Protein backbone atom coordinates (compact mmCIF):
# COMPACT_ATOMS: atom_id res chain seq x y z
CA MET A 1 113.52 91.31 99.18
CA ALA A 2 110.85 91.00 96.50
CA PHE A 3 107.79 93.11 95.81
CA LEU A 4 104.56 91.72 94.39
CA GLY A 5 102.28 93.96 92.39
CA ILE A 6 98.85 92.52 91.70
CA ARG A 7 95.86 93.67 89.71
CA CYS A 8 92.60 91.77 90.12
CA SER A 9 89.62 91.89 87.83
CA ASN A 10 86.45 89.84 87.66
CA HIS A 11 87.89 87.46 85.06
CA ASP A 12 91.61 87.26 85.77
CA PHE A 13 94.53 88.57 87.76
CA SER A 14 97.87 89.96 86.70
CA PHE A 15 100.98 90.10 88.79
CA ALA A 16 104.55 91.32 88.69
CA ILE A 17 107.36 90.31 91.00
CA LEU A 18 110.17 92.85 91.29
CA SER A 19 113.36 92.49 93.30
CA GLY A 20 116.21 94.75 94.26
CA THR A 21 116.27 98.40 95.20
CA LYS A 22 115.13 101.63 93.54
CA ILE A 23 118.62 101.96 92.09
CA SER A 24 119.01 98.34 90.99
CA LEU A 25 115.59 96.92 90.19
CA LYS A 26 114.75 93.77 88.27
CA VAL A 27 111.51 92.27 86.99
CA ASP A 28 111.56 88.61 88.00
CA GLN A 29 108.18 87.57 86.62
CA THR A 30 104.99 88.95 85.11
CA GLU A 31 101.91 86.98 84.23
CA ASN A 32 98.21 87.29 83.54
CA ILE A 33 96.12 84.32 84.69
CA ALA A 34 92.44 83.82 83.88
CA PHE A 35 90.09 82.61 86.58
CA PRO A 36 88.59 79.20 85.78
CA LYS A 37 85.27 79.31 83.95
CA GLY A 38 82.21 77.57 85.33
CA TYR A 39 83.33 77.66 88.97
CA SER A 40 81.00 78.76 91.73
CA LYS A 41 82.05 81.92 93.57
CA GLN A 42 83.29 79.86 96.52
CA SER A 43 85.30 77.54 94.27
CA SER A 44 86.75 80.45 92.33
CA LEU A 45 87.89 82.22 95.51
CA THR A 46 89.36 78.97 96.86
CA TRP A 47 91.21 78.40 93.57
CA PHE A 48 92.61 81.95 93.72
CA LEU A 49 93.78 81.47 97.31
CA GLN A 50 95.59 78.28 96.27
CA GLU A 51 97.21 80.10 93.32
CA LEU A 52 98.50 82.81 95.65
CA HIS A 53 99.78 80.27 98.16
CA THR A 54 101.71 78.57 95.35
CA LEU A 55 103.10 81.93 94.22
CA PHE A 56 104.28 82.75 97.77
CA GLU A 57 105.76 79.27 98.25
CA LYS A 58 107.77 79.64 95.03
CA ASN A 59 108.83 83.19 95.93
CA PRO A 60 109.53 83.31 99.68
CA SER A 61 111.41 86.60 99.28
CA ILE A 62 108.11 88.48 98.68
CA LYS A 63 107.75 90.78 101.67
CA VAL A 64 105.68 93.65 100.24
CA ILE A 65 102.48 93.54 98.20
CA GLY A 66 100.94 96.37 96.22
CA ILE A 67 97.37 95.90 95.04
CA LYS A 68 96.18 98.09 92.17
CA SER A 69 92.85 99.31 93.48
CA ALA A 70 89.86 100.34 91.44
CA GLU A 71 89.57 103.99 90.52
CA PRO A 72 86.86 105.94 92.42
CA MET A 73 84.37 106.00 89.54
CA ALA A 74 84.51 102.21 89.24
CA SER A 75 83.36 101.67 92.81
CA ARG A 76 79.66 101.86 92.17
CA ASN A 77 78.59 98.59 90.62
CA LYS A 78 78.39 94.83 91.02
CA ALA A 79 81.66 94.28 89.13
CA PHE A 80 83.44 96.38 91.76
CA VAL A 81 82.09 94.20 94.57
CA GLU A 82 83.36 91.07 92.82
CA ARG A 83 86.80 92.62 92.28
CA VAL A 84 87.01 93.53 95.98
CA GLU A 85 86.22 89.91 96.89
CA TYR A 86 89.26 88.78 94.89
CA GLU A 87 91.41 91.52 96.40
CA THR A 88 90.38 90.31 99.87
CA ILE A 89 91.81 86.88 99.02
CA VAL A 90 95.19 88.58 98.47
CA TYR A 91 95.03 89.86 102.06
CA LEU A 92 94.09 86.39 103.34
CA ALA A 93 96.88 84.66 101.43
CA ALA A 94 99.41 87.26 102.61
CA ALA A 95 98.28 86.79 106.22
CA ASN A 96 98.73 83.03 105.84
CA PHE A 97 102.38 83.70 104.88
CA GLY A 98 103.06 86.40 107.47
CA ILE A 99 103.26 89.23 104.94
CA LYS A 100 102.07 92.39 106.67
CA ALA A 101 103.14 95.10 104.23
CA ILE A 102 100.14 95.36 101.89
CA PHE A 103 99.25 98.58 100.13
CA LYS A 104 96.15 99.20 98.03
CA LYS A 105 96.70 102.05 95.59
CA PRO A 106 94.79 103.87 92.84
CA LYS A 107 96.76 105.37 89.95
CA VAL A 108 97.04 108.81 91.60
CA THR A 109 98.81 107.33 94.62
CA ILE A 110 101.05 105.18 92.42
CA ALA A 111 102.07 108.30 90.47
CA LYS A 112 102.85 110.22 93.68
CA ASP A 113 104.84 107.32 95.11
CA LEU A 114 106.91 107.15 91.92
CA GLY A 115 107.79 110.83 92.28
CA LEU A 116 105.41 112.13 89.64
CA LYS A 117 102.82 114.83 89.96
CA GLY A 118 99.70 113.49 91.67
CA LYS A 119 97.72 112.76 88.52
CA SER A 120 97.31 109.39 86.89
CA LYS A 121 97.94 110.78 83.39
CA TYR A 122 101.63 111.17 84.23
CA LEU A 123 101.98 107.38 84.41
CA ASN A 124 101.41 107.21 80.64
CA ASP A 125 104.78 108.83 79.90
CA LEU A 126 106.74 107.21 82.69
CA GLU A 127 110.01 105.65 81.58
CA CYS A 128 110.71 102.28 83.15
CA PRO A 129 114.48 101.68 82.71
CA PHE A 130 114.49 98.23 84.32
CA PHE A 131 111.68 97.02 82.02
CA PRO A 132 112.08 98.81 78.66
CA ASP A 133 109.29 96.90 76.86
CA LEU A 134 106.71 97.60 79.59
CA LYS A 135 104.52 99.69 77.26
CA GLU A 136 104.19 96.68 74.95
CA LYS A 137 102.59 94.63 77.75
CA SER A 138 98.88 94.56 78.60
CA ASP A 139 97.44 97.37 80.72
CA LYS A 140 96.96 94.94 83.61
CA ILE A 141 100.61 93.82 83.54
CA GLN A 142 101.68 97.47 83.35
CA GLU A 143 99.57 98.29 86.39
CA SER A 144 101.01 95.30 88.28
CA VAL A 145 104.57 96.44 87.60
CA LEU A 146 103.83 100.06 88.49
CA VAL A 147 102.08 99.22 91.77
CA ALA A 148 104.96 96.93 92.82
CA TRP A 149 107.50 99.61 91.82
CA SER A 150 105.62 102.24 93.82
CA CYS A 151 106.03 100.14 96.99
CA ILE A 152 109.82 100.31 96.92
CA LYS A 153 111.14 102.94 99.32
């Protein structure tokens, strides 16, 4: 079984695909993909849906999705609304592929689910033995990996 961690923004999305168990975990793929420039909102959302369909077709073992949600303070502006629109496309694409296990998590919940104290600051010092160069990756890739990892029971 594979776990998809995804982090949407208004300009791009990052994802990580992890497989295995908590004891034997492997990072299969990470990537950051920019949304096309100059597209209308409808065209951009359609493009994103097609990208996700392609990702699910290439990785049929994905059964669980973790979406890195916006932190509470970020939920008060137009940029937040746009991010939520992209996150909604993740739900739609998952439904199209029969994936029902979808979890939307802020950093505090990710930390708790990884066995840390319930504060996001503890994620900064988290060791990731299956992905030793994680801290060298972009913040968005890091969040994608962590949210996928937090979904593994």
